[in-house]
Amino acid sequence: MGISLETKIEYRPKFDGNEKSDNPAVFHITVMGGVEFRNFFIKLQAMQKGQPEEVGIDPGVIRLYRDAVAAHIPAVENLEIDGQQITTGAEFYDHPGVPYKLLTEIENAVVNMNQLAPEETKN
């Protein structure tokens, strides 16, 4: 077989040394298909077009990322925030206690996972 692809990936965030933990948090990510990936960036660029930096982030952009995380992370393991067990991407994104650095790491993982070579997805 010439090409072999994995569309489901177990992602261990690097945040706060998690990837080195004996019991790391794991995000089960389903990779965006090529068309969905392209459409995501078309929408993102359209929302950001003509917006000056000081305006802040458009709520539509936040919703776009939230929807991507909710759709592509069906399961989360070993993550607890403020005593609440987080089990899905939607719960993760919607929890007010998620640190910004972890949030952006997961957003980037979901959106960029399909651009990585297979050996780069194994972390």
PDB file of N, CA and C in Angstrom:
ATOM      1  N   MET A   1       0.845  -1.173   0.000  1.00  0.00           N
ATOM      2  CA  MET A   1       0.000   0.000   0.000  1.00  0.00           C
ATOM      3  C   MET A   1       0.889   1.234   0.000  1.00  0.00           C
ATOM      4  N   GLY A   2       0.602   2.180  -0.864  1.00  0.00           N
ATOM      5  CA  GLY A   2       1.412   3.383  -1.008  1.00  0.00           C
ATOM      6  C   GLY A   2       1.223   4.399   0.102  1.00  0.00           C
ATOM      7  N   ILE A   3      -0.001   4.622   0.544  1.00  0.00           N
ATOM      8  CA  ILE A   3      -0.270   5.600   1.595  1.00  0.00           C
ATOM      9  C   ILE A   3      -1.134   4.948   2.661  1.00  0.00           C
ATOM     10  N   SER A   4      -0.749   5.157   3.898  1.00  0.00           N
ATOM     11  CA  SER A   4      -1.537   4.668   5.023  1.00  0.00           C
ATOM     12  C   SER A   4      -1.733   5.829   5.985  1.00  0.00           C
ATOM     13  N   LEU A   5      -2.979   6.203   6.240  1.00  0.00           N
ATOM     14  CA  LEU A   5      -3.271   7.358   7.087  1.00  0.00           C
ATOM     15  C   LEU A   5      -4.075   6.957   8.311  1.00  0.00           C
ATOM     16  N   GLU A   6      -3.824   7.640   9.391  1.00  0.00           N
ATOM     17  CA  GLU A   6      -4.614   7.482  10.609  1.00  0.00           C
ATOM     18  C   GLU A   6      -5.515   8.702  10.731  1.00  0.00           C
ATOM     19  N   THR A   7      -6.794   8.487  10.953  1.00  0.00           N
ATOM     20  CA  THR A   7      -7.698   9.622  11.106  1.00  0.00           C
ATOM     21  C   THR A   7      -8.109   9.830  12.558  1.00  0.00           C
ATOM     22  N   LYS A   8      -7.644   8.967  13.437  1.00  0.00           N
ATOM     23  CA  LYS A   8      -7.897   9.123  14.864  1.00  0.00           C
ATOM     24  C   LYS A   8      -6.555   9.113  15.582  1.00  0.00           C
ATOM     25  N   ILE A   9      -6.336  10.130  16.381  1.00  0.00           N
ATOM     26  CA  ILE A   9      -5.044  10.323  17.029  1.00  0.00           C
ATOM     27  C   ILE A   9      -5.250  10.554  18.519  1.00  0.00           C
ATOM     28  N   GLU A  10      -4.386   9.986  19.333  1.00  0.00           N
ATOM     29  CA  GLU A  10      -4.372  10.271  20.767  1.00  0.00           C
ATOM     30  C   GLU A  10      -3.334  11.356  20.991  1.00  0.00           C
ATOM     31  N   TYR A  11      -3.789  12.531  21.377  1.00  0.00           N
ATOM     32  CA  TYR A  11      -2.904  13.680  21.562  1.00  0.00           C
ATOM     33  C   TYR A  11      -2.697  13.948  23.048  1.00  0.00           C
ATOM     34  N   ARG A  12      -1.440  13.994  23.456  1.00  0.00           N
ATOM     35  CA  ARG A  12      -1.070  14.310  24.837  1.00  0.00           C
ATOM     36  C   ARG A  12      -0.496  15.719  24.853  1.00  0.00           C
ATOM     37  N   PRO A  13      -1.244  16.673  25.409  1.00  0.00           N
ATOM     38  CA  PRO A  13      -0.745  18.058  25.423  1.00  0.00           C
ATOM     39  C   PRO A  13       0.579  18.177  26.168  1.00  0.00           C
ATOM     40  N   LYS A  14       1.383  19.122  25.744  1.00  0.00           N
ATOM     41  CA  LYS A  14       2.658  19.399  26.391  1.00  0.00           C
ATOM     42  C   LYS A  14       2.477  20.326  27.596  1.00  0.00           C
ATOM     43  N   PHE A  15       1.332  20.949  27.713  1.00  0.00           N
ATOM     44  CA  PHE A  15       1.035  21.914  28.762  1.00  0.00           C
ATOM     45  C   PHE A  15       1.408  21.371  30.143  1.00  0.00           C
ATOM     46  N   ASP A  16       2.164  22.151  30.888  1.00  0.00           N
ATOM     47  CA  ASP A  16       2.500  21.864  32.281  1.00  0.00           C
ATOM     48  C   ASP A  16       3.160  20.488  32.464  1.00  0.00           C
ATOM     49  N   GLY A  17       3.922  20.033  31.461  1.00  0.00           N
ATOM     50  CA  GLY A  17       4.628  18.755  31.561  1.00  0.00           C
ATOM     51  C   GLY A  17       3.741  17.530  31.437  1.00  0.00           C
ATOM     52  N   ASN A  18       2.510  17.714  30.974  1.00  0.00           N
ATOM     53  CA  ASN A  18       1.549  16.611  30.875  1.00  0.00           C
ATOM     54  C   ASN A  18       2.084  15.412  30.105  1.00  0.00           C
ATOM     55  N   GLU A  19       2.786  15.651  28.996  1.00  0.00           N
ATOM     56  CA  GLU A  19       3.214  14.531  28.151  1.00  0.00           C
ATOM     57  C   GLU A  19       4.203  13.614  28.853  1.00  0.00           C
ATOM     58  N   LYS A  20       4.817  14.091  29.939  1.00  0.00           N
ATOM     59  CA  LYS A  20       5.776  13.280  30.698  1.00  0.00           C
ATOM     60  C   LYS A  20       5.152  12.631  31.928  1.00  0.00           C
ATOM     61  N   SER A  21       3.889  12.904  32.166  1.00  0.00           N
ATOM     62  CA  SER A  21       3.195  12.382  33.343  1.00  0.00           C
ATOM     63  C   SER A  21       2.967  10.876  33.223  1.00  0.00           C
ATOM     64  N   ASP A  22       2.887  10.205  34.361  1.00  0.00           N
ATOM     65  CA  ASP A  22       2.558   8.776  34.378  1.00  0.00           C
ATOM     66  C   ASP A  22       1.102   8.535  33.984  1.00  0.00           C
ATOM     67  N   ASN A  23       0.267   9.526  34.177  1.00  0.00           N
ATOM     68  CA  ASN A  23      -1.158   9.419  33.872  1.00  0.00           C
ATOM     69  C   ASN A  23      -1.584  10.689  33.122  1.00  0.00           C
ATOM     70  N   PRO A  24      -1.100  10.868  31.883  1.00  0.00           N
ATOM     71  CA  PRO A  24      -1.331  12.135  31.184  1.00  0.00           C
ATOM     72  C   PRO A  24      -2.777  12.312  30.714  1.00  0.00           C
ATOM     73  N   ALA A  25      -3.155  13.573  30.570  1.00  0.00           N
ATOM     74  CA  ALA A  25      -4.421  13.877  29.901  1.00  0.00           C
ATOM     75  C   ALA A  25      -4.248  13.528  28.429  1.00  0.00           C
ATOM     76  N   VAL A  26      -5.270  12.903  27.860  1.00  0.00           N
ATOM     77  CA  VAL A  26      -5.224  12.479  26.463  1.00  0.00           C
ATOM     78  C   VAL A  26      -6.473  12.985  25.764  1.00  0.00           C
ATOM     79  N   PHE A  27      -6.277  13.644  24.639  1.00  0.00           N
ATOM     80  CA  PHE A  27      -7.375  14.117  23.814  1.00  0.00           C
ATOM     81  C   PHE A  27      -7.444  13.226  22.581  1.00  0.00           C
ATOM     82  N   HIS A  28      -8.579  12.586  22.376  1.00  0.00           N
ATOM     83  CA  HIS A  28      -8.776  11.728  21.207  1.00  0.00           C
ATOM     84  C   HIS A  28      -9.289  12.625  20.079  1.00  0.00           C
ATOM     85  N   ILE A  29      -8.443  12.831  19.088  1.00  0.00           N
ATOM     86  CA  ILE A  29      -8.753  13.765  18.001  1.00  0.00           C
ATOM     87  C   ILE A  29      -9.030  13.002  16.722  1.00  0.00           C
ATOM     88  N   THR A  30     -10.134  13.350  16.067  1.00  0.00           N
ATOM     89  CA  THR A  30     -10.388  12.857  14.717  1.00  0.00           C
ATOM     90  C   THR A  30      -9.926  13.956  13.759  1.00  0.00           C
ATOM     91  N   VAL A  31      -9.139  13.576  12.804  1.00  0.00           N
ATOM     92  CA  VAL A  31      -8.533  14.527  11.875  1.00  0.00           C
ATOM     93  C   VAL A  31      -9.584  15.105  10.928  1.00  0.00           C
ATOM     94  N   MET A  32      -9.501  16.415  10.718  1.00  0.00           N
ATOM     95  CA  MET A  32     -10.378  17.063   9.730  1.00  0.00           C
ATOM     96  C   MET A  32     -10.038  16.524   8.343  1.00  0.00           C
ATOM     97  N   GLY A  33     -11.068  16.285   7.554  1.00  0.00           N
ATOM     98  CA  GLY A  33     -10.839  15.925   6.166  1.00  0.00           C
ATOM     99  C   GLY A  33     -10.323  17.139   5.402  1.00  0.00           C
ATOM    100  N   GLY A  34      -9.747  16.908   4.260  1.00  0.00           N
ATOM    101  CA  GLY A  34      -9.162  17.986   3.463  1.00  0.00           C
ATOM    102  C   GLY A  34     -10.139  19.093   3.106  1.00  0.00           C
ATOM    103  N   VAL A  35     -11.320  18.737   2.690  1.00  0.00           N
ATOM    104  CA  VAL A  35     -12.325  19.738   2.314  1.00  0.00           C
ATOM    105  C   VAL A  35     -12.767  20.526   3.546  1.00  0.00           C
ATOM    106  N   GLU A  36     -13.005  19.833   4.653  1.00  0.00           N
ATOM    107  CA  GLU A  36     -13.401  20.517   5.883  1.00  0.00           C
ATOM    108  C   GLU A  36     -12.300  21.464   6.349  1.00  0.00           C
ATOM    109  N   PHE A  37     -11.057  21.019   6.257  1.00  0.00           N
ATOM    110  CA  PHE A  37      -9.911  21.844   6.639  1.00  0.00           C
ATOM    111  C   PHE A  37      -9.854  23.110   5.796  1.00  0.00           C
ATOM    112  N   ARG A  38     -10.001  22.961   4.493  1.00  0.00           N
ATOM    113  CA  ARG A  38      -9.981  24.114   3.587  1.00  0.00           C
ATOM    114  C   ARG A  38     -11.130  25.063   3.910  1.00  0.00           C
ATOM    115  N   ASN A  39     -12.324  24.525   4.128  1.00  0.00           N
ATOM    116  CA  ASN A  39     -13.482  25.364   4.442  1.00  0.00           C
ATOM    117  C   ASN A  39     -13.306  26.099   5.771  1.00  0.00           C
ATOM    118  N   PHE A  40     -12.675  25.442   6.745  1.00  0.00           N
ATOM    119  CA  PHE A  40     -12.392  26.089   8.023  1.00  0.00           C
ATOM    120  C   PHE A  40     -11.579  27.354   7.790  1.00  0.00           C
ATOM    121  N   PHE A  41     -10.511  27.255   7.009  1.00  0.00           N
ATOM    122  CA  PHE A  41      -9.643  28.403   6.791  1.00  0.00           C
ATOM    123  C   PHE A  41     -10.272  29.456   5.880  1.00  0.00           C
ATOM    124  N   ILE A  42     -11.106  29.047   4.971  1.00  0.00           N
ATOM    125  CA  ILE A  42     -11.835  30.028   4.154  1.00  0.00           C
ATOM    126  C   ILE A  42     -12.738  30.868   5.055  1.00  0.00           C
ATOM    127  N   LYS A  43     -13.472  30.195   5.956  1.00  0.00           N
ATOM    128  CA  LYS A  43     -14.345  30.912   6.901  1.00  0.00           C
ATOM    129  C   LYS A  43     -13.527  31.802   7.827  1.00  0.00           C
ATOM    130  N   LEU A  44     -12.422  31.274   8.332  1.00  0.00           N
ATOM    131  CA  LEU A  44     -11.574  32.026   9.246  1.00  0.00           C
ATOM    132  C   LEU A  44     -11.040  33.290   8.578  1.00  0.00           C
ATOM    133  N   GLN A  45     -10.541  33.159   7.361  1.00  0.00           N
ATOM    134  CA  GLN A  45     -10.015  34.321   6.644  1.00  0.00           C
ATOM    135  C   GLN A  45     -11.106  35.339   6.353  1.00  0.00           C
ATOM    136  N   ALA A  46     -12.286  34.873   6.000  1.00  0.00           N
ATOM    137  CA  ALA A  46     -13.391  35.784   5.719  1.00  0.00           C
ATOM    138  C   ALA A  46     -13.773  36.565   6.972  1.00  0.00           C
ATOM    139  N   MET A  47     -13.766  35.909   8.126  1.00  0.00           N
ATOM    140  CA  MET A  47     -14.120  36.581   9.378  1.00  0.00           C
ATOM    141  C   MET A  47     -13.064  37.600   9.789  1.00  0.00           C
ATOM    142  N   GLN A  48     -11.815  37.302   9.495  1.00  0.00           N
ATOM    143  CA  GLN A  48     -10.721  38.167   9.927  1.00  0.00           C
ATOM    144  C   GLN A  48     -10.409  39.279   8.928  1.00  0.00           C
ATOM    145  N   LYS A  49     -10.924  39.190   7.741  1.00  0.00           N
ATOM    146  CA  LYS A  49     -10.613  40.152   6.688  1.00  0.00           C
ATOM    147  C   LYS A  49     -11.036  41.556   7.102  1.00  0.00           C
ATOM    148  N   GLY A  50     -10.095  42.455   7.043  1.00  0.00           N
ATOM    149  CA  GLY A  50     -10.386  43.845   7.315  1.00  0.00           C
ATOM    150  C   GLY A  50     -10.549  44.199   8.780  1.00  0.00           C
ATOM    151  N   GLN A  51     -10.292  43.250   9.693  1.00  0.00           N
ATOM    152  CA  GLN A  51     -10.425  43.528  11.118  1.00  0.00           C
ATOM    153  C   GLN A  51      -9.077  43.997  11.670  1.00  0.00           C
ATOM    154  N   PRO A  52      -9.036  45.217  12.196  1.00  0.00           N
ATOM    155  CA  PRO A  52      -7.774  45.672  12.799  1.00  0.00           C
ATOM    156  C   PRO A  52      -7.449  44.861  14.050  1.00  0.00           C
ATOM    157  N   GLU A  53      -6.168  44.730  14.341  1.00  0.00           N
ATOM    158  CA  GLU A  53      -5.703  43.932  15.482  1.00  0.00           C
ATOM    159  C   GLU A  53      -6.329  44.368  16.799  1.00  0.00           C
ATOM    160  N   GLU A  54      -6.470  45.666  17.010  1.00  0.00           N
ATOM    161  CA  GLU A  54      -6.935  46.142  18.303  1.00  0.00           C
ATOM    162  C   GLU A  54      -8.414  45.899  18.565  1.00  0.00           C
ATOM    163  N   VAL A  55      -9.159  45.458  17.555  1.00  0.00           N
ATOM    164  CA  VAL A  55     -10.576  45.184  17.735  1.00  0.00           C
ATOM    165  C   VAL A  55     -10.792  43.964  18.617  1.00  0.00           C
ATOM    166  N   GLY A  56      -9.861  43.034  18.611  1.00  0.00           N
ATOM    167  CA  GLY A  56     -10.011  41.800  19.383  1.00  0.00           C
ATOM    168  C   GLY A  56     -10.475  40.677  18.491  1.00  0.00           C
ATOM    169  N   ILE A  57     -10.808  39.563  19.107  1.00  0.00           N
ATOM    170  CA  ILE A  57     -11.206  38.388  18.346  1.00  0.00           C
ATOM    171  C   ILE A  57     -12.702  38.430  18.094  1.00  0.00           C
ATOM    172  N   ASP A  58     -13.067  38.237  16.864  1.00  0.00           N
ATOM    173  CA  ASP A  58     -14.465  38.187  16.447  1.00  0.00           C
ATOM    174  C   ASP A  58     -15.134  36.988  17.125  1.00  0.00           C
ATOM    175  N   PRO A  59     -16.319  37.161  17.705  1.00  0.00           N
ATOM    176  CA  PRO A  59     -17.021  36.025  18.316  1.00  0.00           C
ATOM    177  C   PRO A  59     -17.264  34.875  17.332  1.00  0.00           C
ATOM    178  N   GLY A  60     -17.372  35.193  16.051  1.00  0.00           N
ATOM    179  CA  GLY A  60     -17.535  34.150  15.040  1.00  0.00           C
ATOM    180  C   GLY A  60     -16.305  33.265  14.938  1.00  0.00           C
ATOM    181  N   VAL A  61     -15.123  33.852  15.118  1.00  0.00           N
ATOM    182  CA  VAL A  61     -13.876  33.082  15.095  1.00  0.00           C
ATOM    183  C   VAL A  61     -13.833  32.143  16.299  1.00  0.00           C
ATOM    184  N   ILE A  62     -14.215  32.650  17.456  1.00  0.00           N
ATOM    185  CA  ILE A  62     -14.249  31.808  18.660  1.00  0.00           C
ATOM    186  C   ILE A  62     -15.216  30.651  18.449  1.00  0.00           C
ATOM    187  N   ARG A  63     -16.368  30.927  17.899  1.00  0.00           N
ATOM    188  CA  ARG A  63     -17.372  29.879  17.640  1.00  0.00           C
ATOM    189  C   ARG A  63     -16.837  28.852  16.640  1.00  0.00           C
ATOM    190  N   LEU A  64     -16.118  29.318  15.625  1.00  0.00           N
ATOM    191  CA  LEU A  64     -15.548  28.421  14.624  1.00  0.00           C
ATOM    192  C   LEU A  64     -14.569  27.437  15.280  1.00  0.00           C
ATOM    193  N   TYR A  65     -13.686  27.949  16.129  1.00  0.00           N
ATOM    194  CA  TYR A  65     -12.741  27.082  16.837  1.00  0.00           C
ATOM    195  C   TYR A  65     -13.468  26.165  17.814  1.00  0.00           C
ATOM    196  N   ARG A  66     -14.439  26.694  18.538  1.00  0.00           N
ATOM    197  CA  ARG A  66     -15.192  25.888  19.499  1.00  0.00           C
ATOM    198  C   ARG A  66     -15.878  24.731  18.803  1.00  0.00           C
ATOM    199  N   ASP A  67     -16.499  25.014  17.662  1.00  0.00           N
ATOM    200  CA  ASP A  67     -17.189  23.963  16.906  1.00  0.00           C
ATOM    201  C   ASP A  67     -16.210  22.898  16.412  1.00  0.00           C
ATOM    202  N   ALA A  68     -15.015  23.332  15.997  1.00  0.00           N
ATOM    203  CA  ALA A  68     -14.004  22.372  15.528  1.00  0.00           C
ATOM    204  C   ALA A  68     -13.536  21.469  16.673  1.00  0.00           C
ATOM    205  N   VAL A  69     -13.289  22.063  17.829  1.00  0.00           N
ATOM    206  CA  VAL A  69     -12.848  21.272  18.988  1.00  0.00           C
ATOM    207  C   VAL A  69     -13.958  20.308  19.416  1.00  0.00           C
ATOM    208  N   ALA A  70     -15.193  20.801  19.475  1.00  0.00           N
ATOM    209  CA  ALA A  70     -16.315  19.946  19.886  1.00  0.00           C
ATOM    210  C   ALA A  70     -16.527  18.796  18.900  1.00  0.00           C
ATOM    211  N   ALA A  71     -16.395  19.064  17.611  1.00  0.00           N
ATOM    212  CA  ALA A  71     -16.642  18.047  16.590  1.00  0.00           C
ATOM    213  C   ALA A  71     -15.517  17.028  16.485  1.00  0.00           C
ATOM    214  N   HIS A  72     -14.291  17.437  16.781  1.00  0.00           N
ATOM    215  CA  HIS A  72     -13.141  16.569  16.518  1.00  0.00           C
ATOM    216  C   HIS A  72     -12.478  15.993  17.758  1.00  0.00           C
ATOM    217  N   ILE A  73     -13.054  16.255  18.935  1.00  0.00           N
ATOM    218  CA  ILE A  73     -12.552  15.608  20.151  1.00  0.00           C
ATOM    219  C   ILE A  73     -13.738  14.919  20.818  1.00  0.00           C
ATOM    220  N   PRO A  74     -13.997  13.676  20.416  1.00  0.00           N
ATOM    221  CA  PRO A  74     -15.121  12.953  21.009  1.00  0.00           C
ATOM    222  C   PRO A  74     -14.851  12.482  22.445  1.00  0.00           C
ATOM    223  N   ALA A  75     -13.565  12.401  22.822  1.00  0.00           N
ATOM    224  CA  ALA A  75     -13.252  11.897  24.158  1.00  0.00           C
ATOM    225  C   ALA A  75     -11.976  12.539  24.700  1.00  0.00           C
ATOM    226  N   VAL A  76     -11.990  12.773  26.010  1.00  0.00           N
ATOM    227  CA  VAL A  76     -10.827  13.281  26.734  1.00  0.00           C
ATOM    228  C   VAL A  76     -10.659  12.380  27.961  1.00  0.00           C
ATOM    229  N   GLU A  77      -9.422  12.012  28.238  1.00  0.00           N
ATOM    230  CA  GLU A  77      -9.137  11.174  29.410  1.00  0.00           C
ATOM    231  C   GLU A  77      -8.229  11.920  30.376  1.00  0.00           C
ATOM    232  N   ASN A  78      -8.417  11.657  31.650  1.00  0.00           N
ATOM    233  CA  ASN A  78      -7.518  12.128  32.707  1.00  0.00           C
ATOM    234  C   ASN A  78      -7.379  13.641  32.787  1.00  0.00           C
ATOM    235  N   LEU A  79      -8.480  14.348  32.588  1.00  0.00           N
ATOM    236  CA  LEU A  79      -8.449  15.803  32.719  1.00  0.00           C
ATOM    237  C   LEU A  79      -9.541  16.235  33.684  1.00  0.00           C
ATOM    238  N   GLU A  80      -9.106  16.900  34.730  1.00  0.00           N
ATOM    239  CA  GLU A  80     -10.037  17.429  35.722  1.00  0.00           C
ATOM    240  C   GLU A  80      -9.729  18.907  35.922  1.00  0.00           C
ATOM    241  N   ILE A  81     -10.764  19.736  35.880  1.00  0.00           N
ATOM    242  CA  ILE A  81     -10.611  21.169  36.095  1.00  0.00           C
ATOM    243  C   ILE A  81     -11.595  21.591  37.176  1.00  0.00           C
ATOM    244  N   ASP A  82     -11.064  22.191  38.227  1.00  0.00           N
ATOM    245  CA  ASP A  82     -11.894  22.637  39.357  1.00  0.00           C
ATOM    246  C   ASP A  82     -12.803  21.535  39.872  1.00  0.00           C
ATOM    247  N   GLY A  83     -12.266  20.314  39.953  1.00  0.00           N
ATOM    248  CA  GLY A  83     -13.029  19.191  40.481  1.00  0.00           C
ATOM    249  C   GLY A  83     -13.992  18.552  39.494  1.00  0.00           C
ATOM    250  N   GLN A  84     -14.077  19.080  38.287  1.00  0.00           N
ATOM    251  CA  GLN A  84     -14.979  18.523  37.272  1.00  0.00           C
ATOM    252  C   GLN A  84     -14.181  17.702  36.269  1.00  0.00           C
ATOM    253  N   GLN A  85     -14.588  16.453  36.078  1.00  0.00           N
ATOM    254  CA  GLN A  85     -13.965  15.582  35.084  1.00  0.00           C
ATOM    255  C   GLN A  85     -14.403  16.053  33.702  1.00  0.00           C
ATOM    256  N   ILE A  86     -13.446  16.313  32.822  1.00  0.00           N
ATOM    257  CA  ILE A  86     -13.727  16.745  31.453  1.00  0.00           C
ATOM    258  C   ILE A  86     -13.617  15.514  30.559  1.00  0.00           C
ATOM    259  N   THR A  87     -14.683  15.208  29.802  1.00  0.00           N
ATOM    260  CA  THR A  87     -14.690  13.974  29.015  1.00  0.00           C
ATOM    261  C   THR A  87     -14.866  14.189  27.513  1.00  0.00           C
ATOM    262  N   THR A  88     -15.165  15.420  27.078  1.00  0.00           N
ATOM    263  CA  THR A  88     -15.341  15.688  25.644  1.00  0.00           C
ATOM    264  C   THR A  88     -14.695  17.025  25.284  1.00  0.00           C
ATOM    265  N   GLY A  89     -14.506  17.225  24.007  1.00  0.00           N
ATOM    266  CA  GLY A  89     -13.979  18.503  23.536  1.00  0.00           C
ATOM    267  C   GLY A  89     -14.909  19.655  23.851  1.00  0.00           C
ATOM    268  N   ALA A  90     -16.207  19.448  23.756  1.00  0.00           N
ATOM    269  CA  ALA A  90     -17.174  20.508  24.061  1.00  0.00           C
ATOM    270  C   ALA A  90     -17.087  20.912  25.530  1.00  0.00           C
ATOM    271  N   GLU A  91     -17.026  19.922  26.430  1.00  0.00           N
ATOM    272  CA  GLU A  91     -16.884  20.234  27.855  1.00  0.00           C
ATOM    273  C   GLU A  91     -15.598  20.999  28.116  1.00  0.00           C
ATOM    274  N   PHE A  92     -14.534  20.587  27.464  1.00  0.00           N
ATOM    275  CA  PHE A  92     -13.241  21.254  27.613  1.00  0.00           C
ATOM    276  C   PHE A  92     -13.348  22.715  27.195  1.00  0.00           C
ATOM    277  N   TYR A  93     -13.862  22.949  26.005  1.00  0.00           N
ATOM    278  CA  TYR A  93     -13.905  24.308  25.460  1.00  0.00           C
ATOM    279  C   TYR A  93     -14.822  25.209  26.271  1.00  0.00           C
ATOM    280  N   ASP A  94     -15.896  24.657  26.772  1.00  0.00           N
ATOM    281  CA  ASP A  94     -16.898  25.465  27.473  1.00  0.00           C
ATOM    282  C   ASP A  94     -16.587  25.696  28.950  1.00  0.00           C
ATOM    283  N   HIS A  95     -15.611  24.991  29.487  1.00  0.00           N
ATOM    284  CA  HIS A  95     -15.309  25.157  30.910  1.00  0.00           C
ATOM    285  C   HIS A  95     -14.557  26.478  31.116  1.00  0.00           C
ATOM    286  N   PRO A  96     -15.026  27.332  32.036  1.00  0.00           N
ATOM    287  CA  PRO A  96     -14.386  28.634  32.241  1.00  0.00           C
ATOM    288  C   PRO A  96     -13.004  28.561  32.884  1.00  0.00           C
ATOM    289  N   GLY A  97     -12.617  27.410  33.438  1.00  0.00           N
ATOM    290  CA  GLY A  97     -11.327  27.293  34.110  1.00  0.00           C
ATOM    291  C   GLY A  97     -10.185  26.813  33.237  1.00  0.00           C
ATOM    292  N   VAL A  98     -10.419  26.615  31.947  1.00  0.00           N
ATOM    293  CA  VAL A  98      -9.360  26.119  31.060  1.00  0.00           C
ATOM    294  C   VAL A  98      -8.314  27.219  30.858  1.00  0.00           C
ATOM    295  N   PRO A  99      -7.040  26.941  31.166  1.00  0.00           N
ATOM    296  CA  PRO A  99      -5.993  27.945  30.933  1.00  0.00           C
ATOM    297  C   PRO A  99      -5.857  28.265  29.446  1.00  0.00           C
ATOM    298  N   TYR A 100      -5.645  29.534  29.144  1.00  0.00           N
ATOM    299  CA  TYR A 100      -5.563  29.976  27.749  1.00  0.00           C
ATOM    300  C   TYR A 100      -4.488  29.215  26.971  1.00  0.00           C
ATOM    301  N   LYS A 101      -3.334  28.983  27.585  1.00  0.00           N
ATOM    302  CA  LYS A 101      -2.242  28.291  26.889  1.00  0.00           C
ATOM    303  C   LYS A 101      -2.645  26.865  26.500  1.00  0.00           C
ATOM    304  N   LEU A 102      -3.356  26.171  27.380  1.00  0.00           N
ATOM    305  CA  LEU A 102      -3.834  24.828  27.056  1.00  0.00           C
ATOM    306  C   LEU A 102      -4.906  24.895  25.980  1.00  0.00           C
ATOM    307  N   LEU A 103      -5.795  25.850  26.082  1.00  0.00           N
ATOM    308  CA  LEU A 103      -6.861  26.015  25.082  1.00  0.00           C
ATOM    309  C   LEU A 103      -6.266  26.202  23.692  1.00  0.00           C
ATOM    310  N   THR A 104      -5.299  27.100  23.568  1.00  0.00           N
ATOM    311  CA  THR A 104      -4.718  27.338  22.243  1.00  0.00           C
ATOM    312  C   THR A 104      -3.918  26.138  21.742  1.00  0.00           C
ATOM    313  N   GLU A 105      -3.279  25.401  22.657  1.00  0.00           N
ATOM    314  CA  GLU A 105      -2.556  24.193  22.233  1.00  0.00           C
ATOM    315  C   GLU A 105      -3.530  23.180  21.624  1.00  0.00           C
ATOM    316  N   ILE A 106      -4.685  23.004  22.268  1.00  0.00           N
ATOM    317  CA  ILE A 106      -5.662  22.041  21.767  1.00  0.00           C
ATOM    318  C   ILE A 106      -6.307  22.548  20.480  1.00  0.00           C
ATOM    319  N   GLU A 107      -6.637  23.831  20.412  1.00  0.00           N
ATOM    320  CA  GLU A 107      -7.176  24.389  19.157  1.00  0.00           C
ATOM    321  C   GLU A 107      -6.209  24.126  18.010  1.00  0.00           C
ATOM    322  N   ASN A 108      -4.932  24.415  18.235  1.00  0.00           N
ATOM    323  CA  ASN A 108      -3.928  24.211  17.187  1.00  0.00           C
ATOM    324  C   ASN A 108      -3.779  22.742  16.824  1.00  0.00           C
ATOM    325  N   ALA A 109      -3.852  21.864  17.812  1.00  0.00           N
ATOM    326  CA  ALA A 109      -3.743  20.431  17.533  1.00  0.00           C
ATOM    327  C   ALA A 109      -4.889  19.977  16.630  1.00  0.00           C
ATOM    328  N   VAL A 110      -6.095  20.402  16.949  1.00  0.00           N
ATOM    329  CA  VAL A 110      -7.260  19.995  16.152  1.00  0.00           C
ATOM    330  C   VAL A 110      -7.154  20.520  14.727  1.00  0.00           C
ATOM    331  N   VAL A 111      -6.834  21.776  14.596  1.00  0.00           N
ATOM    332  CA  VAL A 111      -6.829  22.400  13.274  1.00  0.00           C
ATOM    333  C   VAL A 111      -5.633  21.964  12.442  1.00  0.00           C
ATOM    334  N   ASN A 112      -4.491  21.757  13.072  1.00  0.00           N
ATOM    335  CA  ASN A 112      -3.273  21.468  12.315  1.00  0.00           C
ATOM    336  C   ASN A 112      -2.929  19.996  12.195  1.00  0.00           C
ATOM    337  N   MET A 113      -3.646  19.121  12.867  1.00  0.00           N
ATOM    338  CA  MET A 113      -3.296  17.705  12.887  1.00  0.00           C
ATOM    339  C   MET A 113      -3.232  17.108  11.487  1.00  0.00           C
ATOM    340  N   ASN A 114      -4.092  17.526  10.578  1.00  0.00           N
ATOM    341  CA  ASN A 114      -4.078  16.907   9.258  1.00  0.00           C
ATOM    342  C   ASN A 114      -2.954  17.427   8.372  1.00  0.00           C
ATOM    343  N   GLN A 115      -2.210  18.401   8.838  1.00  0.00           N
ATOM    344  CA  GLN A 115      -1.063  18.901   8.071  1.00  0.00           C
ATOM    345  C   GLN A 115       0.237  18.180   8.436  1.00  0.00           C
ATOM    346  N   LEU A 116       0.198  17.411   9.522  1.00  0.00           N
ATOM    347  CA  LEU A 116       1.424  16.781  10.021  1.00  0.00           C
ATOM    348  C   LEU A 116       1.682  15.459   9.328  1.00  0.00           C
ATOM    349  N   ALA A 117       2.946  15.139   9.192  1.00  0.00           N
ATOM    350  CA  ALA A 117       3.329  13.821   8.703  1.00  0.00           C
ATOM    351  C   ALA A 117       2.977  12.806   9.795  1.00  0.00           C
ATOM    352  N   PRO A 118       2.694  11.561   9.425  1.00  0.00           N
ATOM    353  CA  PRO A 118       2.293  10.551  10.425  1.00  0.00           C
ATOM    354  C   PRO A 118       3.236  10.454  11.627  1.00  0.00           C
ATOM    355  N   GLU A 119       4.546  10.543  11.409  1.00  0.00           N
ATOM    356  CA  GLU A 119       5.475  10.434  12.533  1.00  0.00           C
ATOM    357  C   GLU A 119       5.398  11.646  13.464  1.00  0.00           C
ATOM    358  N   GLU A 120       4.903  12.801  12.986  1.00  0.00           N
ATOM    359  CA  GLU A 120       4.785  13.985  13.825  1.00  0.00           C
ATOM    360  C   GLU A 120       3.561  13.942  14.735  1.00  0.00           C
ATOM    361  N   THR A 121       2.598  13.094  14.441  1.00  0.00           N
ATOM    362  CA  THR A 121       1.375  13.020  15.262  1.00  0.00           C
ATOM    363  C   THR A 121       1.575  12.146  16.478  1.00  0.00           C
ATOM    364  N   LYS A 122       2.660  11.427  16.538  1.00  0.00           N
ATOM    365  CA  LYS A 122       2.920  10.545  17.678  1.00  0.00           C
ATOM    366  C   LYS A 122       3.720  11.334  18.708  1.00  0.00           C
ATOM    367  N   ASN A 123       3.053  11.806  19.751  1.00  0.00           N
ATOM    368  CA  ASN A 123       3.750  12.594  20.759  1.00  0.00           C
ATOM    369  C   ASN A 123       3.661  11.957  22.108  1.00  0.00           C
TER     370      ASN A 123
END
